PDB file of N, CA and C in Angstrom:
ATOM      1  N   MET A   1     171.262  56.524  51.067  1.00  0.00           N
ATOM      2  CA  MET A   1     170.027  55.761  51.117  1.00  0.00           C
ATOM      3  C   MET A   1     169.643  55.299  49.710  1.00  0.00           C
ATOM      4  N   SER A   2     168.561  54.595  49.659  1.00  0.00           N
ATOM      5  CA  SER A   2     168.116  54.048  48.376  1.00  0.00           C
ATOM      6  C   SER A   2     167.443  55.112  47.515  1.00  0.00           C
ATOM      7  N   ASP A   3     167.323  54.783  46.223  1.00  0.00           N
ATOM      8  CA  ASP A   3     166.639  55.694  45.308  1.00  0.00           C
ATOM      9  C   ASP A   3     165.193  55.910  45.736  1.00  0.00           C
ATOM     10  N   GLY A   4     164.565  54.895  46.288  1.00  0.00           N
ATOM     11  CA  GLY A   4     163.187  55.021  46.739  1.00  0.00           C
ATOM     12  C   GLY A   4     163.043  56.054  47.842  1.00  0.00           C
ATOM     13  N   PHE A   5     163.981  56.057  48.768  1.00  0.00           N
ATOM     14  CA  PHE A   5     163.949  57.040  49.850  1.00  0.00           C
ATOM     15  C   PHE A   5     164.198  58.438  49.315  1.00  0.00           C
ATOM     16  N   ASP A   6     165.168  58.559  48.424  1.00  0.00           N
ATOM     17  CA  ASP A   6     165.473  59.864  47.836  1.00  0.00           C
ATOM     18  C   ASP A   6     164.262  60.418  47.093  1.00  0.00           C
ATOM     19  N   ASN A   7     163.576  59.599  46.343  1.00  0.00           N
ATOM     20  CA  ASN A   7     162.383  60.027  45.616  1.00  0.00           C
ATOM     21  C   ASN A   7     161.293  60.463  46.595  1.00  0.00           C
ATOM     22  N   TRP A   8     161.129  59.707  47.676  1.00  0.00           N
ATOM     23  CA  TRP A   8     160.113  60.047  48.685  1.00  0.00           C
ATOM     24  C   TRP A   8     160.398  61.403  49.306  1.00  0.00           C
ATOM     25  N   THR A   9     161.667  61.676  49.659  1.00  0.00           N
ATOM     26  CA  THR A   9     161.993  62.961  50.281  1.00  0.00           C
ATOM     27  C   THR A   9     161.779  64.118  49.307  1.00  0.00           C
ATOM     28  N   VAL A  10     162.110  63.917  48.033  1.00  0.00           N
ATOM     29  CA  VAL A  10     161.890  64.958  47.028  1.00  0.00           C
ATOM     30  C   VAL A  10     160.402  65.256  46.904  1.00  0.00           C
ATOM     31  N   GLN A  11     159.585  64.231  46.815  1.00  0.00           N
ATOM     32  CA  GLN A  11     158.136  64.418  46.679  1.00  0.00           C
ATOM     33  C   GLN A  11     157.531  65.074  47.920  1.00  0.00           C
ATOM     34  N   LEU A  12     158.020  64.704  49.094  1.00  0.00           N
ATOM     35  CA  LEU A  12     157.536  65.287  50.338  1.00  0.00           C
ATOM     36  C   LEU A  12     157.860  66.783  50.383  1.00  0.00           C
ATOM     37  N   ARG A  13     159.084  67.149  50.017  1.00  0.00           N
ATOM     38  CA  ARG A  13     159.469  68.564  50.011  1.00  0.00           C
ATOM     39  C   ARG A  13     158.659  69.346  48.979  1.00  0.00           C
ATOM     40  N   LYS A  14     158.449  68.773  47.807  1.00  0.00           N
ATOM     41  CA  LYS A  14     157.647  69.451  46.781  1.00  0.00           C
ATOM     42  C   LYS A  14     156.234  69.693  47.289  1.00  0.00           C
ATOM     43  N   GLY A  15     155.692  68.698  47.958  1.00  0.00           N
ATOM     44  CA  GLY A  15     154.326  68.812  48.454  1.00  0.00           C
ATOM     45  C   GLY A  15     154.146  69.852  49.541  1.00  0.00           C
ATOM     46  N   ILE A  16     155.183  70.111  50.277  1.00  0.00           N
ATOM     47  CA  ILE A  16     155.077  71.041  51.402  1.00  0.00           C
ATOM     48  C   ILE A  16     155.557  72.452  51.053  1.00  0.00           C
ATOM     49  N   LEU A  17     156.193  72.627  49.908  1.00  0.00           N
ATOM     50  CA  LEU A  17     156.770  73.917  49.544  1.00  0.00           C
ATOM     51  C   LEU A  17     155.712  75.021  49.438  1.00  0.00           C
ATOM     52  N   GLU A  18     154.562  74.733  48.859  1.00  0.00           N
ATOM     53  CA  GLU A  18     153.511  75.753  48.746  1.00  0.00           C
ATOM     54  C   GLU A  18     153.081  76.226  50.131  1.00  0.00           C
ATOM     55  N   PHE A  19     152.928  75.301  51.064  1.00  0.00           N
ATOM     56  CA  PHE A  19     152.580  75.652  52.440  1.00  0.00           C
ATOM     57  C   PHE A  19     153.664  76.543  53.050  1.00  0.00           C
ATOM     58  N   CYS A  20     154.921  76.209  52.816  1.00  0.00           N
ATOM     59  CA  CYS A  20     156.040  77.000  53.342  1.00  0.00           C
ATOM     60  C   CYS A  20     156.049  78.407  52.744  1.00  0.00           C
ATOM     61  N   VAL A  21     155.757  78.524  51.458  1.00  0.00           N
ATOM     62  CA  VAL A  21     155.706  79.846  50.826  1.00  0.00           C
ATOM     63  C   VAL A  21     154.588  80.667  51.438  1.00  0.00           C
ATOM     64  N   LEU A  22     153.395  80.107  51.524  1.00  0.00           N
ATOM     65  CA  LEU A  22     152.274  80.840  52.112  1.00  0.00           C
ATOM     66  C   LEU A  22     152.556  81.210  53.559  1.00  0.00           C
ATOM     67  N   SER A  23     153.184  80.317  54.301  1.00  0.00           N
ATOM     68  CA  SER A  23     153.504  80.588  55.708  1.00  0.00           C
ATOM     69  C   SER A  23     154.581  81.655  55.852  1.00  0.00           C
ATOM     70  N   SER A  24     155.433  81.784  54.856  1.00  0.00           N
ATOM     71  CA  SER A  24     156.528  82.744  54.926  1.00  0.00           C
ATOM     72  C   SER A  24     156.105  84.161  54.582  1.00  0.00           C
ATOM     73  N   ILE A  25     154.969  84.300  53.941  1.00  0.00           N
ATOM     74  CA  ILE A  25     154.449  85.635  53.630  1.00  0.00           C
ATOM     75  C   ILE A  25     153.539  86.026  54.784  1.00  0.00           C
ATOM     76  N   ALA A  26     153.900  87.087  55.484  1.00  0.00           N
ATOM     77  CA  ALA A  26     153.111  87.528  56.633  1.00  0.00           C
ATOM     78  C   ALA A  26     151.686  87.846  56.193  1.00  0.00           C
ATOM     79  N   ALA A  27     150.730  87.513  57.045  1.00  0.00           N
ATOM     80  CA  ALA A  27     149.311  87.629  56.700  1.00  0.00           C
ATOM     81  C   ALA A  27     148.899  89.026  56.241  1.00  0.00           C
ATOM     82  N   ASP A  28     149.384  90.060  56.876  1.00  0.00           N
ATOM     83  CA  ASP A  28     148.943  91.409  56.528  1.00  0.00           C
ATOM     84  C   ASP A  28     150.087  92.315  56.090  1.00  0.00           C
ATOM     85  N   GLU A  29     151.150  91.716  55.577  1.00  0.00           N
ATOM     86  CA  GLU A  29     152.300  92.499  55.128  1.00  0.00           C
ATOM     87  C   GLU A  29     152.766  91.998  53.766  1.00  0.00           C
ATOM     88  N   GLU A  30     153.599  92.799  53.139  1.00  0.00           N
ATOM     89  CA  GLU A  30     154.217  92.383  51.887  1.00  0.00           C
ATOM     90  C   GLU A  30     155.569  91.748  52.174  1.00  0.00           C
ATOM     91  N   SER A  31     155.975  90.862  51.288  1.00  0.00           N
ATOM     92  CA  SER A  31     157.295  90.246  51.376  1.00  0.00           C
ATOM     93  C   SER A  31     158.032  90.500  50.068  1.00  0.00           C
ATOM     94  N   TYR A  32     159.244  90.984  50.187  1.00  0.00           N
ATOM     95  CA  TYR A  32     160.096  91.223  49.024  1.00  0.00           C
ATOM     96  C   TYR A  32     160.524  89.857  48.488  1.00  0.00           C
ATOM     97  N   GLY A  33     160.378  89.651  47.206  1.00  0.00           N
ATOM     98  CA  GLY A  33     160.614  88.353  46.586  1.00  0.00           C
ATOM     99  C   GLY A  33     161.956  87.737  46.903  1.00  0.00           C
ATOM    100  N   TYR A  34     163.034  88.502  46.755  1.00  0.00           N
ATOM    101  CA  TYR A  34     164.361  87.938  46.975  1.00  0.00           C
ATOM    102  C   TYR A  34     164.553  87.542  48.434  1.00  0.00           C
ATOM    103  N   GLU A  35     164.053  88.358  49.359  1.00  0.00           N
ATOM    104  CA  GLU A  35     164.160  88.017  50.791  1.00  0.00           C
ATOM    105  C   GLU A  35     163.361  86.748  51.097  1.00  0.00           C
ATOM    106  N   LEU A  36     162.207  86.615  50.489  1.00  0.00           N
ATOM    107  CA  LEU A  36     161.374  85.428  50.655  1.00  0.00           C
ATOM    108  C   LEU A  36     162.105  84.192  50.149  1.00  0.00           C
ATOM    109  N   VAL A  37     162.713  84.314  48.978  1.00  0.00           N
ATOM    110  CA  VAL A  37     163.462  83.197  48.400  1.00  0.00           C
ATOM    111  C   VAL A  37     164.634  82.825  49.304  1.00  0.00           C
ATOM    112  N   LYS A  38     165.376  83.823  49.804  1.00  0.00           N
ATOM    113  CA  LYS A  38     166.506  83.542  50.696  1.00  0.00           C
ATOM    114  C   LYS A  38     166.045  82.795  51.947  1.00  0.00           C
ATOM    115  N   LYS A  39     164.920  83.223  52.511  1.00  0.00           N
ATOM    116  CA  LYS A  39     164.389  82.564  53.715  1.00  0.00           C
ATOM    117  C   LYS A  39     164.085  81.094  53.438  1.00  0.00           C
ATOM    118  N   LEU A  40     163.468  80.819  52.312  1.00  0.00           N
ATOM    119  CA  LEU A  40     163.096  79.445  51.970  1.00  0.00           C
ATOM    120  C   LEU A  40     164.305  78.603  51.592  1.00  0.00           C
ATOM    121  N   VAL A  41     165.234  79.187  50.838  1.00  0.00           N
ATOM    122  CA  VAL A  41     166.437  78.449  50.435  1.00  0.00           C
ATOM    123  C   VAL A  41     167.283  78.091  51.654  1.00  0.00           C
ATOM    124  N   ASN A  42     167.291  78.966  52.659  1.00  0.00           N
ATOM    125  CA  ASN A  42     168.105  78.741  53.852  1.00  0.00           C
ATOM    126  C   ASN A  42     167.402  77.946  54.946  1.00  0.00           C
ATOM    127  N   ALA A  43     166.155  77.557  54.734  1.00  0.00           N
ATOM    128  CA  ALA A  43     165.432  76.764  55.739  1.00  0.00           C
ATOM    129  C   ALA A  43     166.032  75.357  55.786  1.00  0.00           C
ATOM    130  N   PRO A  44     166.556  74.949  56.953  1.00  0.00           N
ATOM    131  CA  PRO A  44     167.202  73.628  57.057  1.00  0.00           C
ATOM    132  C   PRO A  44     166.253  72.489  56.669  1.00  0.00           C
ATOM    133  N   GLY A  45     166.735  71.618  55.806  1.00  0.00           N
ATOM    134  CA  GLY A  45     165.980  70.439  55.418  1.00  0.00           C
ATOM    135  C   GLY A  45     165.014  70.634  54.265  1.00  0.00           C
ATOM    136  N   LEU A  46     164.655  71.886  53.971  1.00  0.00           N
ATOM    137  CA  LEU A  46     163.690  72.129  52.891  1.00  0.00           C
ATOM    138  C   LEU A  46     164.329  71.927  51.523  1.00  0.00           C
ATOM    139  N   ASP A  47     165.598  72.223  51.398  1.00  0.00           N
ATOM    140  CA  ASP A  47     166.345  72.058  50.145  1.00  0.00           C
ATOM    141  C   ASP A  47     165.642  72.700  48.954  1.00  0.00           C
ATOM    142  N   ALA A  48     165.101  73.894  49.177  1.00  0.00           N
ATOM    143  CA  ALA A  48     164.440  74.635  48.101  1.00  0.00           C
ATOM    144  C   ALA A  48     165.493  75.396  47.305  1.00  0.00           C
ATOM    145  N   SER A  49     165.156  75.729  46.082  1.00  0.00           N
ATOM    146  CA  SER A  49     166.066  76.504  45.240  1.00  0.00           C
ATOM    147  C   SER A  49     165.280  77.624  44.563  1.00  0.00           C
ATOM    148  N   GLU A  50     166.006  78.651  44.126  1.00  0.00           N
ATOM    149  CA  GLU A  50     165.356  79.738  43.394  1.00  0.00           C
ATOM    150  C   GLU A  50     164.584  79.191  42.205  1.00  0.00           C
ATOM    151  N   GLY A  51     165.159  78.183  41.562  1.00  0.00           N
ATOM    152  CA  GLY A  51     164.550  77.598  40.374  1.00  0.00           C
ATOM    153  C   GLY A  51     163.227  76.906  40.639  1.00  0.00           C
ATOM    154  N   SER A  52     162.953  76.575  41.898  1.00  0.00           N
ATOM    155  CA  SER A  52     161.657  75.970  42.227  1.00  0.00           C
ATOM    156  C   SER A  52     160.701  76.988  42.844  1.00  0.00           C
ATOM    157  N   ILE A  53     161.236  78.022  43.484  1.00  0.00           N
ATOM    158  CA  ILE A  53     160.384  78.972  44.199  1.00  0.00           C
ATOM    159  C   ILE A  53     159.754  79.999  43.264  1.00  0.00           C
ATOM    160  N   TYR A  54     160.538  80.578  42.363  1.00  0.00           N
ATOM    161  CA  TYR A  54     159.969  81.600  41.481  1.00  0.00           C
ATOM    162  C   TYR A  54     158.843  81.061  40.591  1.00  0.00           C
ATOM    163  N   PRO A  55     158.979  79.885  39.987  1.00  0.00           N
ATOM    164  CA  PRO A  55     157.841  79.356  39.227  1.00  0.00           C
ATOM    165  C   PRO A  55     156.617  79.084  40.121  1.00  0.00           C
ATOM    166  N   LEU A  56     156.865  78.650  41.357  1.00  0.00           N
ATOM    167  CA  LEU A  56     155.756  78.412  42.288  1.00  0.00           C
ATOM    168  C   LEU A  56     155.058  79.727  42.625  1.00  0.00           C
ATOM    169  N   LEU A  57     155.820  80.789  42.859  1.00  0.00           N
ATOM    170  CA  LEU A  57     155.216  82.101  43.122  1.00  0.00           C
ATOM    171  C   LEU A  57     154.355  82.542  41.944  1.00  0.00           C
ATOM    172  N   SER A  58     154.850  82.327  40.730  1.00  0.00           N
ATOM    173  CA  SER A  58     154.090  82.690  39.537  1.00  0.00           C
ATOM    174  C   SER A  58     152.785  81.889  39.451  1.00  0.00           C
ATOM    175  N   ARG A  59     152.872  80.594  39.701  1.00  0.00           N
ATOM    176  CA  ARG A  59     151.674  79.750  39.652  1.00  0.00           C
ATOM    177  C   ARG A  59     150.681  80.157  40.737  1.00  0.00           C
ATOM    178  N   MET A  60     151.181  80.464  41.928  1.00  0.00           N
ATOM    179  CA  MET A  60     150.303  80.861  43.032  1.00  0.00           C
ATOM    180  C   MET A  60     149.627  82.208  42.740  1.00  0.00           C
ATOM    181  N   ARG A  61     150.327  83.089  42.036  1.00  0.00           N
ATOM    182  CA  ARG A  61     149.735  84.368  41.635  1.00  0.00           C
ATOM    183  C   ARG A  61     148.601  84.126  40.642  1.00  0.00           C
ATOM    184  N   LYS A  62     148.835  83.241  39.677  1.00  0.00           N
ATOM    185  CA  LYS A  62     147.801  82.920  38.683  1.00  0.00           C
ATOM    186  C   LYS A  62     146.592  82.251  39.329  1.00  0.00           C
ATOM    187  N   GLN A  63     146.811  81.521  40.422  1.00  0.00           N
ATOM    188  CA  GLN A  63     145.722  80.851  41.138  1.00  0.00           C
ATOM    189  C   GLN A  63     144.973  81.802  42.073  1.00  0.00           C
ATOM    190  N   GLY A  64     145.487  83.027  42.224  1.00  0.00           N
ATOM    191  CA  GLY A  64     144.828  84.010  43.074  1.00  0.00           C
ATOM    192  C   GLY A  64     145.165  83.881  44.551  1.00  0.00           C
ATOM    193  N   LEU A  65     146.224  83.144  44.877  1.00  0.00           N
ATOM    194  CA  LEU A  65     146.609  82.980  46.276  1.00  0.00           C
ATOM    195  C   LEU A  65     147.463  84.145  46.773  1.00  0.00           C
ATOM    196  N   ILE A  66     148.225  84.734  45.866  1.00  0.00           N
ATOM    197  CA  ILE A  66     149.056  85.881  46.199  1.00  0.00           C
ATOM    198  C   ILE A  66     148.899  86.922  45.107  1.00  0.00           C
ATOM    199  N   GLN A  67     149.260  88.154  45.432  1.00  0.00           N
ATOM    200  CA  GLN A  67     149.333  89.193  44.416  1.00  0.00           C
ATOM    201  C   GLN A  67     150.720  89.799  44.507  1.00  0.00           C
ATOM    202  N   SER A  68     151.167  90.360  43.421  1.00  0.00           N
ATOM    203  CA  SER A  68     152.496  90.941  43.405  1.00  0.00           C
ATOM    204  C   SER A  68     152.434  92.338  42.837  1.00  0.00           C
ATOM    205  N   ARG A  69     153.439  93.105  43.199  1.00  0.00           N
ATOM    206  CA  ARG A  69     153.583  94.441  42.619  1.00  0.00           C
ATOM    207  C   ARG A  69     155.062  94.716  42.452  1.00  0.00           C
ATOM    208  N   LEU A  70     155.379  95.494  41.453  1.00  0.00           N
ATOM    209  CA  LEU A  70     156.758  95.856  41.143  1.00  0.00           C
ATOM    210  C   LEU A  70     157.007  97.270  41.647  1.00  0.00           C
ATOM    211  N   GLU A  71     158.121  97.455  42.344  1.00  0.00           N
ATOM    212  CA  GLU A  71     158.472  98.789  42.836  1.00  0.00           C
ATOM    213  C   GLU A  71     159.851  99.158  42.312  1.00  0.00           C
ATOM    214  N   GLU A  72     159.921 100.290  41.655  1.00  0.00           N
ATOM    215  CA  GLU A  72     161.200 100.769  41.132  1.00  0.00           C
ATOM    216  C   GLU A  72     162.134 101.073  42.293  1.00  0.00           C
ATOM    217  N   SER A  73     163.439 100.889  42.059  1.00  0.00           N
ATOM    218  CA  SER A  73     164.445 101.124  43.088  1.00  0.00           C
ATOM    219  C   SER A  73     165.553 101.998  42.530  1.00  0.00           C
ATOM    220  N   ASP A  74     165.989 102.973  43.327  1.00  0.00           N
ATOM    221  CA  ASP A  74     167.109 103.820  42.921  1.00  0.00           C
ATOM    222  C   ASP A  74     168.431 103.068  43.016  1.00  0.00           C
ATOM    223  N   ALA A  75     168.461 102.021  43.834  1.00  0.00           N
ATOM    224  CA  ALA A  75     169.705 101.301  44.114  1.00  0.00           C
ATOM    225  C   ALA A  75     169.896 100.051  43.263  1.00  0.00           C
ATOM    226  N   GLY A  76     169.099  99.860  42.235  1.00  0.00           N
ATOM    227  CA  GLY A  76     169.250  98.669  41.412  1.00  0.00           C
ATOM    228  C   GLY A  76     167.981  98.377  40.650  1.00  0.00           C
ATOM    229  N   PRO A  77     167.790  97.102  40.302  1.00  0.00           N
ATOM    230  CA  PRO A  77     166.593  96.744  39.537  1.00  0.00           C
ATOM    231  C   PRO A  77     165.322  96.867  40.385  1.00  0.00           C
ATOM    232  N   ALA A  78     164.192  96.902  39.702  1.00  0.00           N
ATOM    233  CA  ALA A  78     162.906  96.971  40.394  1.00  0.00           C
ATOM    234  C   ALA A  78     162.739  95.744  41.286  1.00  0.00           C
ATOM    235  N   ARG A  79     162.017  95.936  42.388  1.00  0.00           N
ATOM    236  CA  ARG A  79     161.786  94.842  43.336  1.00  0.00           C
ATOM    237  C   ARG A  79     160.333  94.383  43.239  1.00  0.00           C
ATOM    238  N   LYS A  80     160.147  93.058  43.344  1.00  0.00           N
ATOM    239  CA  LYS A  80     158.802  92.504  43.321  1.00  0.00           C
ATOM    240  C   LYS A  80     158.409  92.154  44.742  1.00  0.00           C
ATOM    241  N   TYR A  81     157.234  92.628  45.145  1.00  0.00           N
ATOM    242  CA  TYR A  81     156.699  92.363  46.475  1.00  0.00           C
ATOM    243  C   TYR A  81     155.461  91.487  46.354  1.00  0.00           C
ATOM    244  N   TYR A  82     155.309  90.578  47.305  1.00  0.00           N
ATOM    245  CA  TYR A  82     154.194  89.637  47.309  1.00  0.00           C
ATOM    246  C   TYR A  82     153.350  89.835  48.556  1.00  0.00           C
ATOM    247  N   ARG A  83     152.049  89.636  48.395  1.00  0.00           N
ATOM    248  CA  ARG A  83     151.091  89.752  49.495  1.00  0.00           C
ATOM    249  C   ARG A  83     150.053  88.643  49.330  1.00  0.00           C
ATOM    250  N   LEU A  84     149.611  88.088  50.452  1.00  0.00           N
ATOM    251  CA  LEU A  84     148.552  87.078  50.403  1.00  0.00           C
ATOM    252  C   LEU A  84     147.227  87.733  50.037  1.00  0.00           C
ATOM    253  N   THR A  85     146.448  87.074  49.233  1.00  0.00           N
ATOM    254  CA  THR A  85     145.072  87.502  48.979  1.00  0.00           C
ATOM    255  C   THR A  85     144.190  86.865  50.047  1.00  0.00           C
ATOM    256  N   ALA A  86     142.925  87.212  50.056  1.00  0.00           N
ATOM    257  CA  ALA A  86     141.997  86.582  51.002  1.00  0.00           C
ATOM    258  C   ALA A  86     141.961  85.070  50.764  1.00  0.00           C
ATOM    259  N   THR A  87     141.997  84.671  49.509  1.00  0.00           N
ATOM    260  CA  THR A  87     142.024  83.247  49.167  1.00  0.00           C
ATOM    261  C   THR A  87     143.306  82.600  49.675  1.00  0.00           C
ATOM    262  N   GLY A  88     144.429  83.304  49.530  1.00  0.00           N
ATOM    263  CA  GLY A  88     145.711  82.791  50.015  1.00  0.00           C
ATOM    264  C   GLY A  88     145.741  82.650  51.524  1.00  0.00           C
ATOM    265  N   LYS A  89     145.152  83.623  52.234  1.00  0.00           N
ATOM    266  CA  LYS A  89     145.080  83.548  53.698  1.00  0.00           C
ATOM    267  C   LYS A  89     144.253  82.342  54.123  1.00  0.00           C
ATOM    268  N   ALA A  90     143.121  82.148  53.448  1.00  0.00           N
ATOM    269  CA  ALA A  90     142.254  81.006  53.772  1.00  0.00           C
ATOM    270  C   ALA A  90     142.970  79.688  53.481  1.00  0.00           C
ATOM    271  N   ARG A  91     143.673  79.612  52.344  1.00  0.00           N
ATOM    272  CA  ARG A  91     144.409  78.399  52.004  1.00  0.00           C
ATOM    273  C   ARG A  91     145.511  78.140  53.024  1.00  0.00           C
ATOM    274  N   SER A  92     146.222  79.193  53.436  1.00  0.00           N
ATOM    275  CA  SER A  92     147.299  79.054  54.416  1.00  0.00           C
ATOM    276  C   SER A  92     146.754  78.512  55.745  1.00  0.00           C
ATOM    277  N   LEU A  93     145.630  79.047  56.197  1.00  0.00           N
ATOM    278  CA  LEU A  93     145.024  78.565  57.451  1.00  0.00           C
ATOM    279  C   LEU A  93     144.571  77.115  57.326  1.00  0.00           C
ATOM    280  N   ALA A  94     143.982  76.761  56.187  1.00  0.00           N
ATOM    281  CA  ALA A  94     143.539  75.380  55.975  1.00  0.00           C
ATOM    282  C   ALA A  94     144.735  74.436  55.944  1.00  0.00           C
ATOM    283  N   MET A  95     145.804  74.855  55.272  1.00  0.00           N
ATOM    284  CA  MET A  95     147.010  74.021  55.214  1.00  0.00           C
ATOM    285  C   MET A  95     147.626  73.862  56.595  1.00  0.00           C
ATOM    286  N   LYS A  96     147.658  74.940  57.359  1.00  0.00           N
ATOM    287  CA  LYS A  96     148.224  74.884  58.714  1.00  0.00           C
ATOM    288  C   LYS A  96     147.433  73.910  59.582  1.00  0.00           C
ATOM    289  N   SER A  97     146.126  73.964  59.498  1.00  0.00           N
ATOM    290  CA  SER A  97     145.278  73.059  60.267  1.00  0.00           C
ATOM    291  C   SER A  97     145.502  71.607  59.843  1.00  0.00           C
ATOM    292  N   TYR A  98     145.491  71.377  58.539  1.00  0.00           N
ATOM    293  CA  TYR A  98     145.693  70.025  58.037  1.00  0.00           C
ATOM    294  C   TYR A  98     147.075  69.508  58.402  1.00  0.00           C
ATOM    295  N   TYR A  99     148.090  70.355  58.254  1.00  0.00           N
ATOM    296  CA  TYR A  99     149.458  69.956  58.580  1.00  0.00           C
ATOM    297  C   TYR A  99     149.567  69.590  60.058  1.00  0.00           C
ATOM    298  N   GLY A 100     148.925  70.361  60.930  1.00  0.00           N
ATOM    299  CA  GLY A 100     148.923  70.052  62.360  1.00  0.00           C
ATOM    300  C   GLY A 100     148.304  68.694  62.633  1.00  0.00           C
ATOM    301  N   SER A 101     147.177  68.416  62.002  1.00  0.00           N
ATOM    302  CA  SER A 101     146.510  67.120  62.169  1.00  0.00           C
ATOM    303  C   SER A 101     147.359  65.983  61.626  1.00  0.00           C
ATOM    304  N   LEU A 102     147.961  66.216  60.478  1.00  0.00           N
ATOM    305  CA  LEU A 102     148.786  65.191  59.847  1.00  0.00           C
ATOM    306  C   LEU A 102     150.020  64.874  60.688  1.00  0.00           C
ATOM    307  N   THR A 103     150.705  65.896  61.165  1.00  0.00           N
ATOM    308  CA  THR A 103     151.903  65.640  61.974  1.00  0.00           C
ATOM    309  C   THR A 103     151.544  64.970  63.291  1.00  0.00           C
ATOM    310  N   ALA A 104     150.403  65.319  63.870  1.00  0.00           N
ATOM    311  CA  ALA A 104     149.960  64.657  65.102  1.00  0.00           C
ATOM    312  C   ALA A 104     149.692  63.175  64.845  1.00  0.00           C
ATOM    313  N   ALA A 105     149.066  62.875  63.708  1.00  0.00           N
ATOM    314  CA  ALA A 105     148.783  61.478  63.370  1.00  0.00           C
ATOM    315  C   ALA A 105     150.078  60.697  63.147  1.00  0.00           C
ATOM    316  N   VAL A 106     151.025  61.306  62.431  1.00  0.00           N
ATOM    317  CA  VAL A 106     152.307  60.634  62.180  1.00  0.00           C
ATOM    318  C   VAL A 106     153.041  60.405  63.494  1.00  0.00           C
ATOM    319  N   GLN A 107     153.048  61.397  64.352  1.00  0.00           N
ATOM    320  CA  GLN A 107     153.716  61.252  65.645  1.00  0.00           C
ATOM    321  C   GLN A 107     153.067  60.174  66.497  1.00  0.00           C
ATOM    322  N   SER A 108     151.750  60.095  66.464  1.00  0.00           N
ATOM    323  CA  SER A 108     151.077  59.073  67.271  1.00  0.00           C
ATOM    324  C   SER A 108     151.379  57.665  66.754  1.00  0.00           C
ATOM    325  N   LEU A 109     151.575  57.537  65.447  1.00  0.00           N
ATOM    326  CA  LEU A 109     151.901  56.231  64.878  1.00  0.00           C
ATOM    327  C   LEU A 109     153.362  55.852  65.101  1.00  0.00           C
ATOM    328  N   SER A 110     154.253  56.858  65.076  1.00  0.00           N
ATOM    329  CA  SER A 110     155.664  56.559  65.217  1.00  0.00           C
ATOM    330  C   SER A 110     156.116  56.516  66.668  1.00  0.00           C
ATOM    331  N   ASN A 111     155.302  57.044  67.587  1.00  0.00           N
ATOM    332  CA  ASN A 111     155.620  57.021  69.024  1.00  0.00           C
ATOM    333  C   ASN A 111     154.394  56.551  69.803  1.00  0.00           C
ATOM    334  N   PRO A 112     153.987  55.307  69.621  1.00  0.00           N
ATOM    335  CA  PRO A 112     152.769  54.842  70.296  1.00  0.00           C
ATOM    336  C   PRO A 112     152.944  54.820  71.809  1.00  0.00           C
ATOM    337  N   GLN A 113     151.841  55.086  72.518  1.00  0.00           N
ATOM    338  CA  GLN A 113     151.833  55.001  73.982  1.00  0.00           C
ATOM    339  C   GLN A 113     152.043  53.553  74.399  1.00  0.00           C
ATOM    340  N   LYS A 114     152.794  53.363  75.445  1.00  0.00           N
ATOM    341  CA  LYS A 114     153.053  51.990  75.914  1.00  0.00           C
ATOM    342  C   LYS A 114     152.069  51.599  76.979  1.00  0.00           C
TER     343      LYS A 114
END
């Protein structure tokens, strides 16, 4: 496809990645960082990479959307676990609602009733 299309898809994925991260962290549970990254990297069509997810997790922690804790491991390096904060839960719900409305609007425009 054209460079314009490629740029559009990159921007669309970047814009939705934060929503995907928040959605991937269970509301009342912790998520191990590496498992979270694997889930996002392996999501078809998302084309996420470790290099984009870890900085996003750091930024989201600084924004108060998630909190993290380090747990020592006997089987290797320490593991970082992430949990949604109350602010993160609220943001995730707002994003889910907005995303639902947005996709419904796009679908109605791309598949008009005859």
